[in-house]
Amino acid sequence: MGKALAHAEKKYQGAFQNLETQLTTEDPNQLTNFRRMDNVAYSELLQKITPFISMKDTVMRQAIEPGERLLITLRCLATTENLPTGDQILGGVTPPHPPLATALTHMYALEAVRN
């Protein structure tokens, strides 16, 4: 199996993709509850924050997608769950992701100043 095909297979078998797909198709209200915001608000937030939190793929690994970073960070902030650290979650990403938290802070600070 080629590397590109192996990566595509892995992407469709990942916990984030499975959860999001399952909640989107089976019960959109559960997805809203999981995110703690509706689809429109989540999409707007993701669109605004993506340029600040996008990472590039490296030779060693594929970058975690902005939607996945945002969802995990929102879940962590909304529930105040103590999530596992290090390799136990997403290969070493421990929420809240510092660039994401910084981007959220700056984005909402700018909106507050404008209003």
PDB file of N, CA and C in Angstrom:
ATOM      1  N   MET A   1       0.847  -1.176   0.000  1.00  0.00           N
ATOM      2  CA  MET A   1       0.000   0.000   0.000  1.00  0.00           C
ATOM      3  C   MET A   1       0.892   1.239   0.000  1.00  0.00           C
ATOM      4  N   GLY A   2       0.607   2.202  -0.889  1.00  0.00           N
ATOM      5  CA  GLY A   2       1.395   3.417  -0.968  1.00  0.00           C
ATOM      6  C   GLY A   2       1.166   4.322   0.225  1.00  0.00           C
ATOM      7  N   LYS A   3       2.112   5.260   0.436  1.00  0.00           N
ATOM      8  CA  LYS A   3       2.006   6.165   1.586  1.00  0.00           C
ATOM      9  C   LYS A   3       0.749   7.029   1.523  1.00  0.00           C
ATOM     10  N   ALA A   4       0.426   7.539   0.333  1.00  0.00           N
ATOM     11  CA  ALA A   4      -0.759   8.393   0.210  1.00  0.00           C
ATOM     12  C   ALA A   4      -2.024   7.617   0.540  1.00  0.00           C
ATOM     13  N   LEU A   5      -2.115   6.389   0.059  1.00  0.00           N
ATOM     14  CA  LEU A   5      -3.282   5.559   0.338  1.00  0.00           C
ATOM     15  C   LEU A   5      -3.351   5.205   1.813  1.00  0.00           C
ATOM     16  N   ALA A   6      -2.207   4.890   2.399  1.00  0.00           N
ATOM     17  CA  ALA A   6      -2.171   4.564   3.829  1.00  0.00           C
ATOM     18  C   ALA A   6      -2.634   5.757   4.651  1.00  0.00           C
ATOM     19  N   HIS A   7      -2.206   6.960   4.271  1.00  0.00           N
ATOM     20  CA  HIS A   7      -2.628   8.163   4.994  1.00  0.00           C
ATOM     21  C   HIS A   7      -4.131   8.383   4.836  1.00  0.00           C
ATOM     22  N   ALA A   8      -4.650   8.198   3.627  1.00  0.00           N
ATOM     23  CA  ALA A   8      -6.085   8.369   3.397  1.00  0.00           C
ATOM     24  C   ALA A   8      -6.886   7.373   4.227  1.00  0.00           C
ATOM     25  N   GLU A   9      -6.422   6.126   4.288  1.00  0.00           N
ATOM     26  CA  GLU A   9      -7.092   5.110   5.106  1.00  0.00           C
ATOM     27  C   GLU A   9      -7.087   5.521   6.568  1.00  0.00           C
ATOM     28  N   LYS A  10      -5.932   5.959   7.060  1.00  0.00           N
ATOM     29  CA  LYS A  10      -5.798   6.342   8.465  1.00  0.00           C
ATOM     30  C   LYS A  10      -6.728   7.501   8.793  1.00  0.00           C
ATOM     31  N   LYS A  11      -6.841   8.457   7.869  1.00  0.00           N
ATOM     32  CA  LYS A  11      -7.669   9.625   8.102  1.00  0.00           C
ATOM     33  C   LYS A  11      -9.125   9.225   8.308  1.00  0.00           C
ATOM     34  N   TYR A  12      -9.591   8.254   7.531  1.00  0.00           N
ATOM     35  CA  TYR A  12     -10.984   7.841   7.656  1.00  0.00           C
ATOM     36  C   TYR A  12     -11.219   6.943   8.857  1.00  0.00           C
ATOM     37  N   GLN A  13     -10.161   6.452   9.474  1.00  0.00           N
ATOM     38  CA  GLN A  13     -10.303   5.586  10.628  1.00  0.00           C
ATOM     39  C   GLN A  13     -10.005   6.314  11.936  1.00  0.00           C
ATOM     40  N   GLY A  14      -9.644   7.585  11.861  1.00  0.00           N
ATOM     41  CA  GLY A  14      -9.295   8.329  13.060  1.00  0.00           C
ATOM     42  C   GLY A  14     -10.508   8.621  13.932  1.00  0.00           C
ATOM     43  N   ALA A  15     -10.272   8.765  15.213  1.00  0.00           N
ATOM     44  CA  ALA A  15     -11.357   8.989  16.171  1.00  0.00           C
ATOM     45  C   ALA A  15     -12.117  10.278  15.870  1.00  0.00           C
ATOM     46  N   PHE A  16     -11.398  11.343  15.539  1.00  0.00           N
ATOM     47  CA  PHE A  16     -12.058  12.619  15.267  1.00  0.00           C
ATOM     48  C   PHE A  16     -12.980  12.512  14.062  1.00  0.00           C
ATOM     49  N   GLN A  17     -12.468  11.962  12.965  1.00  0.00           N
ATOM     50  CA  GLN A  17     -13.272  11.848  11.760  1.00  0.00           C
ATOM     51  C   GLN A  17     -14.477  10.939  11.984  1.00  0.00           C
ATOM     52  N   ASN A  18     -14.271   9.825  12.677  1.00  0.00           N
ATOM     53  CA  ASN A  18     -15.382   8.914  12.950  1.00  0.00           C
ATOM     54  C   ASN A  18     -16.439   9.581  13.816  1.00  0.00           C
ATOM     55  N   LEU A  19     -16.013  10.260  14.861  1.00  0.00           N
ATOM     56  CA  LEU A  19     -16.955  10.922  15.762  1.00  0.00           C
ATOM     57  C   LEU A  19     -17.727  12.012  15.037  1.00  0.00           C
ATOM     58  N   GLU A  20     -17.019  12.867  14.328  1.00  0.00           N
ATOM     59  CA  GLU A  20     -17.683  13.963  13.635  1.00  0.00           C
ATOM     60  C   GLU A  20     -18.649  13.439  12.576  1.00  0.00           C
ATOM     61  N   THR A  21     -18.227  12.447  11.803  1.00  0.00           N
ATOM     62  CA  THR A  21     -19.092  11.864  10.780  1.00  0.00           C
ATOM     63  C   THR A  21     -20.321  11.223  11.404  1.00  0.00           C
ATOM     64  N   GLN A  22     -20.118  10.464  12.452  1.00  0.00           N
ATOM     65  CA  GLN A  22     -21.225   9.782  13.110  1.00  0.00           C
ATOM     66  C   GLN A  22     -22.220  10.785  13.694  1.00  0.00           C
ATOM     67  N   LEU A  23     -21.727  11.780  14.394  1.00  0.00           N
ATOM     68  CA  LEU A  23     -22.627  12.762  14.993  1.00  0.00           C
ATOM     69  C   LEU A  23     -23.324  13.614  13.937  1.00  0.00           C
ATOM     70  N   THR A  24     -22.633  13.934  12.853  1.00  0.00           N
ATOM     71  CA  THR A  24     -23.227  14.738  11.787  1.00  0.00           C
ATOM     72  C   THR A  24     -24.366  13.987  11.111  1.00  0.00           C
ATOM     73  N   THR A  25     -24.155  12.712  10.830  1.00  0.00           N
ATOM     74  CA  THR A  25     -25.164  11.951  10.099  1.00  0.00           C
ATOM     75  C   THR A  25     -26.272  11.411  10.992  1.00  0.00           C
ATOM     76  N   GLU A  26     -25.937  10.972  12.183  1.00  0.00           N
ATOM     77  CA  GLU A  26     -26.926  10.323  13.036  1.00  0.00           C
ATOM     78  C   GLU A  26     -27.706  11.296  13.912  1.00  0.00           C
ATOM     79  N   ASP A  27     -27.042  12.257  14.498  1.00  0.00           N
ATOM     80  CA  ASP A  27     -27.732  13.166  15.418  1.00  0.00           C
ATOM     81  C   ASP A  27     -27.016  14.510  15.479  1.00  0.00           C
ATOM     82  N   PRO A  28     -27.390  15.431  14.583  1.00  0.00           N
ATOM     83  CA  PRO A  28     -26.744  16.749  14.573  1.00  0.00           C
ATOM     84  C   PRO A  28     -26.849  17.494  15.904  1.00  0.00           C
ATOM     85  N   ASN A  29     -27.910  17.251  16.662  1.00  0.00           N
ATOM     86  CA  ASN A  29     -28.039  17.910  17.965  1.00  0.00           C
ATOM     87  C   ASN A  29     -26.947  17.463  18.927  1.00  0.00           C
ATOM     88  N   GLN A  30     -26.541  16.208  18.831  1.00  0.00           N
ATOM     89  CA  GLN A  30     -25.451  15.710  19.670  1.00  0.00           C
ATOM     90  C   GLN A  30     -24.134  16.394  19.305  1.00  0.00           C
ATOM     91  N   LEU A  31     -23.926  16.637  18.008  1.00  0.00           N
ATOM     92  CA  LEU A  31     -22.711  17.337  17.575  1.00  0.00           C
ATOM     93  C   LEU A  31     -22.707  18.764  18.124  1.00  0.00           C
ATOM     94  N   THR A  32     -23.859  19.418  18.074  1.00  0.00           N
ATOM     95  CA  THR A  32     -23.983  20.764  18.640  1.00  0.00           C
ATOM     96  C   THR A  32     -23.683  20.738  20.131  1.00  0.00           C
ATOM     97  N   ASN A  33     -24.202  19.753  20.818  1.00  0.00           N
ATOM     98  CA  ASN A  33     -23.954  19.614  22.251  1.00  0.00           C
ATOM     99  C   ASN A  33     -22.474  19.337  22.524  1.00  0.00           C
ATOM    100  N   PHE A  34     -21.871  18.482  21.713  1.00  0.00           N
ATOM    101  CA  PHE A  34     -20.464  18.144  21.895  1.00  0.00           C
ATOM    102  C   PHE A  34     -19.582  19.372  21.695  1.00  0.00           C
ATOM    103  N   ARG A  35     -19.888  20.155  20.674  1.00  0.00           N
ATOM    104  CA  ARG A  35     -19.107  21.370  20.381  1.00  0.00           C
ATOM    105  C   ARG A  35     -19.426  22.507  21.336  1.00  0.00           C
ATOM    106  N   ARG A  36     -20.600  22.465  21.905  1.00  0.00           N
ATOM    107  CA  ARG A  36     -21.127  23.535  22.755  1.00  0.00           C
ATOM    108  C   ARG A  36     -21.440  24.793  21.945  1.00  0.00           C
ATOM    109  N   MET A  37     -21.687  24.627  20.642  1.00  0.00           N
ATOM    110  CA  MET A  37     -22.119  25.725  19.781  1.00  0.00           C
ATOM    111  C   MET A  37     -22.747  25.138  18.527  1.00  0.00           C
ATOM    112  N   ASP A  38     -23.612  25.916  17.883  1.00  0.00           N
ATOM    113  CA  ASP A  38     -24.277  25.408  16.686  1.00  0.00           C
ATOM    114  C   ASP A  38     -23.322  25.392  15.497  1.00  0.00           C
ATOM    115  N   ASN A  39     -23.771  24.751  14.412  1.00  0.00           N
ATOM    116  CA  ASN A  39     -22.911  24.577  13.241  1.00  0.00           C
ATOM    117  C   ASN A  39     -22.498  25.898  12.609  1.00  0.00           C
ATOM    118  N   VAL A  40     -23.413  26.857  12.574  1.00  0.00           N
ATOM    119  CA  VAL A  40     -23.100  28.152  11.964  1.00  0.00           C
ATOM    120  C   VAL A  40     -22.007  28.863  12.757  1.00  0.00           C
ATOM    121  N   ALA A  41     -22.160  28.925  14.068  1.00  0.00           N
ATOM    122  CA  ALA A  41     -21.156  29.588  14.911  1.00  0.00           C
ATOM    123  C   ALA A  41     -19.813  28.871  14.828  1.00  0.00           C
ATOM    124  N   TYR A  42     -19.844  27.535  14.838  1.00  0.00           N
ATOM    125  CA  TYR A  42     -18.606  26.759  14.753  1.00  0.00           C
ATOM    126  C   TYR A  42     -17.911  27.010  13.412  1.00  0.00           C
ATOM    127  N   SER A  43     -18.680  26.996  12.324  1.00  0.00           N
ATOM    128  CA  SER A  43     -18.096  27.221  10.994  1.00  0.00           C
ATOM    129  C   SER A  43     -17.490  28.613  10.878  1.00  0.00           C
ATOM    130  N   GLU A  44     -18.194  29.618  11.414  1.00  0.00           N
ATOM    131  CA  GLU A  44     -17.665  30.989  11.383  1.00  0.00           C
ATOM    132  C   GLU A  44     -16.380  31.100  12.191  1.00  0.00           C
ATOM    133  N   LEU A  45     -16.383  30.506  13.369  1.00  0.00           N
ATOM    134  CA  LEU A  45     -15.190  30.542  14.217  1.00  0.00           C
ATOM    135  C   LEU A  45     -14.027  29.823  13.546  1.00  0.00           C
ATOM    136  N   LEU A  46     -14.295  28.661  12.978  1.00  0.00           N
ATOM    137  CA  LEU A  46     -13.246  27.899  12.298  1.00  0.00           C
ATOM    138  C   LEU A  46     -12.685  28.680  11.118  1.00  0.00           C
ATOM    139  N   GLN A  47     -13.558  29.331  10.362  1.00  0.00           N
ATOM    140  CA  GLN A  47     -13.107  30.115   9.212  1.00  0.00           C
ATOM    141  C   GLN A  47     -12.210  31.273   9.659  1.00  0.00           C
ATOM    142  N   LYS A  48     -12.581  31.937  10.743  1.00  0.00           N
ATOM    143  CA  LYS A  48     -11.789  33.071  11.235  1.00  0.00           C
ATOM    144  C   LYS A  48     -10.441  32.635  11.794  1.00  0.00           C
ATOM    145  N   ILE A  49     -10.408  31.487  12.426  1.00  0.00           N
ATOM    146  CA  ILE A  49      -9.217  31.093  13.177  1.00  0.00           C
ATOM    147  C   ILE A  49      -8.253  30.205  12.378  1.00  0.00           C
ATOM    148  N   THR A  50      -8.722  29.605  11.298  1.00  0.00           N
ATOM    149  CA  THR A  50      -7.890  28.680  10.519  1.00  0.00           C
ATOM    150  C   THR A  50      -6.545  29.268  10.096  1.00  0.00           C
ATOM    151  N   PRO A  51      -6.480  30.508   9.593  1.00  0.00           N
ATOM    152  CA  PRO A  51      -5.168  31.033   9.186  1.00  0.00           C
ATOM    153  C   PRO A  51      -4.148  31.101  10.325  1.00  0.00           C
ATOM    154  N   PHE A  52      -4.624  31.197  11.548  1.00  0.00           N
ATOM    155  CA  PHE A  52      -3.724  31.328  12.692  1.00  0.00           C
ATOM    156  C   PHE A  52      -3.278  29.989  13.276  1.00  0.00           C
ATOM    157  N   ILE A  53      -4.032  28.935  13.022  1.00  0.00           N
ATOM    158  CA  ILE A  53      -3.725  27.652  13.665  1.00  0.00           C
ATOM    159  C   ILE A  53      -3.351  26.549  12.690  1.00  0.00           C
ATOM    160  N   SER A  54      -3.335  26.849  11.397  1.00  0.00           N
ATOM    161  CA  SER A  54      -2.971  25.831  10.411  1.00  0.00           C
ATOM    162  C   SER A  54      -1.499  25.478  10.538  1.00  0.00           C
ATOM    163  N   MET A  55      -1.227  24.212  10.482  1.00  0.00           N
ATOM    164  CA  MET A  55       0.144  23.710  10.525  1.00  0.00           C
ATOM    165  C   MET A  55       0.443  23.021   9.197  1.00  0.00           C
ATOM    166  N   LYS A  56       1.706  22.888   8.895  1.00  0.00           N
ATOM    167  CA  LYS A  56       2.105  22.210   7.659  1.00  0.00           C
ATOM    168  C   LYS A  56       2.502  20.774   7.965  1.00  0.00           C
ATOM    169  N   ASP A  57       2.249  19.907   6.988  1.00  0.00           N
ATOM    170  CA  ASP A  57       2.709  18.532   7.099  1.00  0.00           C
ATOM    171  C   ASP A  57       4.231  18.525   7.080  1.00  0.00           C
ATOM    172  N   THR A  58       4.811  17.578   7.776  1.00  0.00           N
ATOM    173  CA  THR A  58       6.260  17.406   7.748  1.00  0.00           C
ATOM    174  C   THR A  58       6.573  16.028   7.199  1.00  0.00           C
ATOM    175  N   VAL A  59       7.836  15.766   7.033  1.00  0.00           N
ATOM    176  CA  VAL A  59       8.271  14.451   6.576  1.00  0.00           C
ATOM    177  C   VAL A  59       7.903  13.391   7.609  1.00  0.00           C
ATOM    178  N   MET A  60       7.869  13.785   8.870  1.00  0.00           N
ATOM    179  CA  MET A  60       7.628  12.835   9.954  1.00  0.00           C
ATOM    180  C   MET A  60       6.149  12.559  10.220  1.00  0.00           C
ATOM    181  N   ARG A  61       5.281  13.549   9.961  1.00  0.00           N
ATOM    182  CA  ARG A  61       3.866  13.340  10.294  1.00  0.00           C
ATOM    183  C   ARG A  61       2.966  14.304   9.538  1.00  0.00           C
ATOM    184  N   GLN A  62       1.698  13.941   9.496  1.00  0.00           N
ATOM    185  CA  GLN A  62       0.686  14.806   8.908  1.00  0.00           C
ATOM    186  C   GLN A  62       0.215  15.796   9.978  1.00  0.00           C
ATOM    187  N   ALA A  63      -0.026  17.013   9.567  1.00  0.00           N
ATOM    188  CA  ALA A  63      -0.497  18.034  10.507  1.00  0.00           C
ATOM    189  C   ALA A  63      -1.926  17.732  10.952  1.00  0.00           C
ATOM    190  N   ILE A  64      -2.230  18.088  12.173  1.00  0.00           N
ATOM    191  CA  ILE A  64      -3.593  17.951  12.678  1.00  0.00           C
ATOM    192  C   ILE A  64      -4.411  19.089  12.079  1.00  0.00           C
ATOM    193  N   GLU A  65      -5.573  18.751  11.565  1.00  0.00           N
ATOM    194  CA  GLU A  65      -6.404  19.731  10.879  1.00  0.00           C
ATOM    195  C   GLU A  65      -6.948  20.782  11.854  1.00  0.00           C
ATOM    196  N   PRO A  66      -7.144  22.024  11.365  1.00  0.00           N
ATOM    197  CA  PRO A  66      -7.658  23.083  12.231  1.00  0.00           C
ATOM    198  C   PRO A  66      -8.989  22.732  12.900  1.00  0.00           C
ATOM    199  N   GLY A  67      -9.879  22.072  12.175  1.00  0.00           N
ATOM    200  CA  GLY A  67     -11.167  21.692  12.757  1.00  0.00           C
ATOM    201  C   GLY A  67     -11.015  20.763  13.940  1.00  0.00           C
ATOM    202  N   GLU A  68     -10.065  19.864  13.835  1.00  0.00           N
ATOM    203  CA  GLU A  68      -9.802  18.929  14.927  1.00  0.00           C
ATOM    204  C   GLU A  68      -9.203  19.660  16.127  1.00  0.00           C
ATOM    205  N   ARG A  69      -8.262  20.547  15.869  1.00  0.00           N
ATOM    206  CA  ARG A  69      -7.663  21.339  16.954  1.00  0.00           C
ATOM    207  C   ARG A  69      -8.729  22.178  17.666  1.00  0.00           C
ATOM    208  N   LEU A  70      -9.573  22.821  16.868  1.00  0.00           N
ATOM    209  CA  LEU A  70     -10.602  23.680  17.443  1.00  0.00           C
ATOM    210  C   LEU A  70     -11.599  22.875  18.264  1.00  0.00           C
ATOM    211  N   LEU A  71     -12.055  21.760  17.728  1.00  0.00           N
ATOM    212  CA  LEU A  71     -13.044  20.953  18.439  1.00  0.00           C
ATOM    213  C   LEU A  71     -12.504  20.456  19.776  1.00  0.00           C
ATOM    214  N   ILE A  72     -11.287  19.982  19.787  1.00  0.00           N
ATOM    215  CA  ILE A  72     -10.694  19.475  21.027  1.00  0.00           C
ATOM    216  C   ILE A  72     -10.509  20.608  22.035  1.00  0.00           C
ATOM    217  N   THR A  73     -10.057  21.758  21.562  1.00  0.00           N
ATOM    218  CA  THR A  73      -9.859  22.891  22.465  1.00  0.00           C
ATOM    219  C   THR A  73     -11.187  23.376  23.035  1.00  0.00           C
ATOM    220  N   LEU A  74     -12.203  23.493  22.181  1.00  0.00           N
ATOM    221  CA  LEU A  74     -13.515  23.917  22.664  1.00  0.00           C
ATOM    222  C   LEU A  74     -14.072  22.934  23.679  1.00  0.00           C
ATOM    223  N   ARG A  75     -13.913  21.659  23.393  1.00  0.00           N
ATOM    224  CA  ARG A  75     -14.414  20.630  24.309  1.00  0.00           C
ATOM    225  C   ARG A  75     -13.705  20.734  25.656  1.00  0.00           C
ATOM    226  N   CYS A  76     -12.419  20.926  25.620  1.00  0.00           N
ATOM    227  CA  CYS A  76     -11.640  21.039  26.853  1.00  0.00           C
ATOM    228  C   CYS A  76     -12.060  22.274  27.647  1.00  0.00           C
ATOM    229  N   LEU A  77     -12.197  23.400  26.971  1.00  0.00           N
ATOM    230  CA  LEU A  77     -12.576  24.636  27.648  1.00  0.00           C
ATOM    231  C   LEU A  77     -14.012  24.593  28.171  1.00  0.00           C
ATOM    232  N   ALA A  78     -14.907  23.964  27.412  1.00  0.00           N
ATOM    233  CA  ALA A  78     -16.320  23.927  27.797  1.00  0.00           C
ATOM    234  C   ALA A  78     -16.590  22.988  28.962  1.00  0.00           C
ATOM    235  N   THR A  79     -15.860  21.904  29.027  1.00  0.00           N
ATOM    236  CA  THR A  79     -16.155  20.896  30.045  1.00  0.00           C
ATOM    237  C   THR A  79     -15.176  20.923  31.199  1.00  0.00           C
ATOM    238  N   THR A  80     -14.103  21.646  31.055  1.00  0.00           N
ATOM    239  CA  THR A  80     -12.996  21.675  32.026  1.00  0.00           C
ATOM    240  C   THR A  80     -12.524  20.267  32.385  1.00  0.00           C
ATOM    241  N   GLU A  81     -12.623  19.369  31.403  1.00  0.00           N
ATOM    242  CA  GLU A  81     -12.118  18.011  31.608  1.00  0.00           C
ATOM    243  C   GLU A  81     -10.601  18.044  31.675  1.00  0.00           C
ATOM    244  N   ASN A  82     -10.045  17.182  32.480  1.00  0.00           N
ATOM    245  CA  ASN A  82      -8.601  16.997  32.489  1.00  0.00           C
ATOM    246  C   ASN A  82      -8.285  15.950  31.437  1.00  0.00           C
ATOM    247  N   LEU A  83      -7.810  16.413  30.316  1.00  0.00           N
ATOM    248  CA  LEU A  83      -7.504  15.498  29.233  1.00  0.00           C
ATOM    249  C   LEU A  83      -6.103  14.945  29.397  1.00  0.00           C
ATOM    250  N   PRO A  84      -5.880  13.736  28.891  1.00  0.00           N
ATOM    251  CA  PRO A  84      -4.539  13.155  28.979  1.00  0.00           C
ATOM    252  C   PRO A  84      -3.524  14.000  28.226  1.00  0.00           C
ATOM    253  N   THR A  85      -2.286  13.878  28.604  1.00  0.00           N
ATOM    254  CA  THR A  85      -1.239  14.669  27.968  1.00  0.00           C
ATOM    255  C   THR A  85      -0.334  13.785  27.132  1.00  0.00           C
ATOM    256  N   GLY A  86       0.574  14.438  26.423  1.00  0.00           N
ATOM    257  CA  GLY A  86       1.593  13.727  25.662  1.00  0.00           C
ATOM    258  C   GLY A  86       1.019  12.861  24.565  1.00  0.00           C
ATOM    259  N   ASP A  87       1.586  11.673  24.423  1.00  0.00           N
ATOM    260  CA  ASP A  87       1.198  10.784  23.341  1.00  0.00           C
ATOM    261  C   ASP A  87      -0.171  10.155  23.549  1.00  0.00           C
ATOM    262  N   GLN A  88      -0.781  10.373  24.680  1.00  0.00           N
ATOM    263  CA  GLN A  88      -2.084   9.774  24.932  1.00  0.00           C
ATOM    264  C   GLN A  88      -3.191  10.431  24.122  1.00  0.00           C
ATOM    265  N   ILE A  89      -2.985  11.642  23.671  1.00  0.00           N
ATOM    266  CA  ILE A  89      -4.032  12.319  22.916  1.00  0.00           C
ATOM    267  C   ILE A  89      -3.450  12.922  21.646  1.00  0.00           C
ATOM    268  N   LEU A  90      -3.956  12.486  20.527  1.00  0.00           N
ATOM    269  CA  LEU A  90      -3.591  13.018  19.215  1.00  0.00           C
ATOM    270  C   LEU A  90      -2.092  13.102  18.977  1.00  0.00           C
ATOM    271  N   GLY A  91      -1.372  12.117  19.409  1.00  0.00           N
ATOM    272  CA  GLY A  91       0.052  12.090  19.131  1.00  0.00           C
ATOM    273  C   GLY A  91       0.807  13.250  19.726  1.00  0.00           C
ATOM    274  N   GLY A  92       0.395  13.744  20.868  1.00  0.00           N
ATOM    275  CA  GLY A  92       1.173  14.760  21.550  1.00  0.00           C
ATOM    276  C   GLY A  92       0.554  16.136  21.612  1.00  0.00           C
ATOM    277  N   VAL A  93      -0.641  16.347  21.068  1.00  0.00           N
ATOM    278  CA  VAL A  93      -1.273  17.651  21.154  1.00  0.00           C
ATOM    279  C   VAL A  93      -2.076  17.702  22.433  1.00  0.00           C
ATOM    280  N   THR A  94      -1.740  18.614  23.307  1.00  0.00           N
ATOM    281  CA  THR A  94      -2.435  18.737  24.580  1.00  0.00           C
ATOM    282  C   THR A  94      -3.271  20.010  24.562  1.00  0.00           C
ATOM    283  N   PRO A  95      -4.585  19.899  24.606  1.00  0.00           N
ATOM    284  CA  PRO A  95      -5.406  21.103  24.572  1.00  0.00           C
ATOM    285  C   PRO A  95      -5.333  21.860  25.880  1.00  0.00           C
ATOM    286  N   PRO A  96      -5.633  23.142  25.903  1.00  0.00           N
ATOM    287  CA  PRO A  96      -5.846  23.936  24.716  1.00  0.00           C
ATOM    288  C   PRO A  96      -4.535  24.227  24.007  1.00  0.00           C
ATOM    289  N   HIS A  97      -4.579  24.210  22.718  1.00  0.00           N
ATOM    290  CA  HIS A  97      -3.405  24.415  21.881  1.00  0.00           C
ATOM    291  C   HIS A  97      -2.983  25.879  21.985  1.00  0.00           C
ATOM    292  N   PRO A  98      -1.755  26.179  22.427  1.00  0.00           N
ATOM    293  CA  PRO A  98      -1.358  27.580  22.658  1.00  0.00           C
ATOM    294  C   PRO A  98      -1.598  28.528  21.490  1.00  0.00           C
ATOM    295  N   PRO A  99      -1.224  28.191  20.231  1.00  0.00           N
ATOM    296  CA  PRO A  99      -1.522  29.139  19.149  1.00  0.00           C
ATOM    297  C   PRO A  99      -3.024  29.361  18.980  1.00  0.00           C
ATOM    298  N   LEU A 100      -3.812  28.320  19.214  1.00  0.00           N
ATOM    299  CA  LEU A 100      -5.257  28.459  19.087  1.00  0.00           C
ATOM    300  C   LEU A 100      -5.803  29.350  20.196  1.00  0.00           C
ATOM    301  N   ALA A 101      -5.368  29.138  21.402  1.00  0.00           N
ATOM    302  CA  ALA A 101      -5.825  29.959  22.523  1.00  0.00           C
ATOM    303  C   ALA A 101      -5.423  31.420  22.320  1.00  0.00           C
ATOM    304  N   THR A 102      -4.218  31.655  21.838  1.00  0.00           N
ATOM    305  CA  THR A 102      -3.757  33.019  21.560  1.00  0.00           C
ATOM    306  C   THR A 102      -4.587  33.652  20.455  1.00  0.00           C
ATOM    307  N   ALA A 103      -4.848  32.895  19.388  1.00  0.00           N
ATOM    308  CA  ALA A 103      -5.646  33.414  18.275  1.00  0.00           C
ATOM    309  C   ALA A 103      -7.061  33.747  18.724  1.00  0.00           C
ATOM    310  N   LEU A 104      -7.660  32.888  19.535  1.00  0.00           N
ATOM    311  CA  LEU A 104      -9.003  33.167  20.058  1.00  0.00           C
ATOM    312  C   LEU A 104      -9.009  34.446  20.890  1.00  0.00           C
ATOM    313  N   THR A 105      -8.010  34.598  21.732  1.00  0.00           N
ATOM    314  CA  THR A 105      -7.919  35.784  22.582  1.00  0.00           C
ATOM    315  C   THR A 105      -7.808  37.051  21.746  1.00  0.00           C
ATOM    316  N   HIS A 106      -6.924  37.049  20.750  1.00  0.00           N
ATOM    317  CA  HIS A 106      -6.739  38.225  19.898  1.00  0.00           C
ATOM    318  C   HIS A 106      -7.990  38.518  19.080  1.00  0.00           C
ATOM    319  N   MET A 107      -8.612  37.465  18.546  1.00  0.00           N
ATOM    320  CA  MET A 107      -9.789  37.639  17.714  1.00  0.00           C
ATOM    321  C   MET A 107     -10.925  38.285  18.507  1.00  0.00           C
ATOM    322  N   TYR A 108     -11.173  37.779  19.706  1.00  0.00           N
ATOM    323  CA  TYR A 108     -12.256  38.339  20.508  1.00  0.00           C
ATOM    324  C   TYR A 108     -11.895  39.704  21.092  1.00  0.00           C
ATOM    325  N   ALA A 109     -10.640  39.963  21.334  1.00  0.00           N
ATOM    326  CA  ALA A 109     -10.221  41.289  21.794  1.00  0.00           C
ATOM    327  C   ALA A 109     -10.472  42.323  20.700  1.00  0.00           C
ATOM    328  N   LEU A 110     -10.159  41.977  19.449  1.00  0.00           N
ATOM    329  CA  LEU A 110     -10.413  42.891  18.331  1.00  0.00           C
ATOM    330  C   LEU A 110     -11.903  43.151  18.167  1.00  0.00           C
ATOM    331  N   GLU A 111     -12.716  42.114  18.296  1.00  0.00           N
ATOM    332  CA  GLU A 111     -14.164  42.292  18.178  1.00  0.00           C
ATOM    333  C   GLU A 111     -14.698  43.178  19.299  1.00  0.00           C
ATOM    334  N   ALA A 112     -14.160  43.026  20.499  1.00  0.00           N
ATOM    335  CA  ALA A 112     -14.604  43.842  21.630  1.00  0.00           C
ATOM    336  C   ALA A 112     -14.251  45.311  21.408  1.00  0.00           C
ATOM    337  N   VAL A 113     -13.077  45.571  20.843  1.00  0.00           N
ATOM    338  CA  VAL A 113     -12.651  46.945  20.576  1.00  0.00           C
ATOM    339  C   VAL A 113     -13.534  47.570  19.499  1.00  0.00           C
ATOM    340  N   ARG A 114     -13.887  46.793  18.486  1.00  0.00           N
ATOM    341  CA  ARG A 114     -14.734  47.306  17.402  1.00  0.00           C
ATOM    342  C   ARG A 114     -16.132  47.649  17.889  1.00  0.00           C
ATOM    343  N   ASN A 115     -16.602  46.909  18.867  1.00  0.00           N
ATOM    344  CA  ASN A 115     -17.966  47.145  19.372  1.00  0.00           C
ATOM    345  C   ASN A 115     -17.895  48.162  20.458  1.00  0.00           C
TER     346      ASN A 115
END
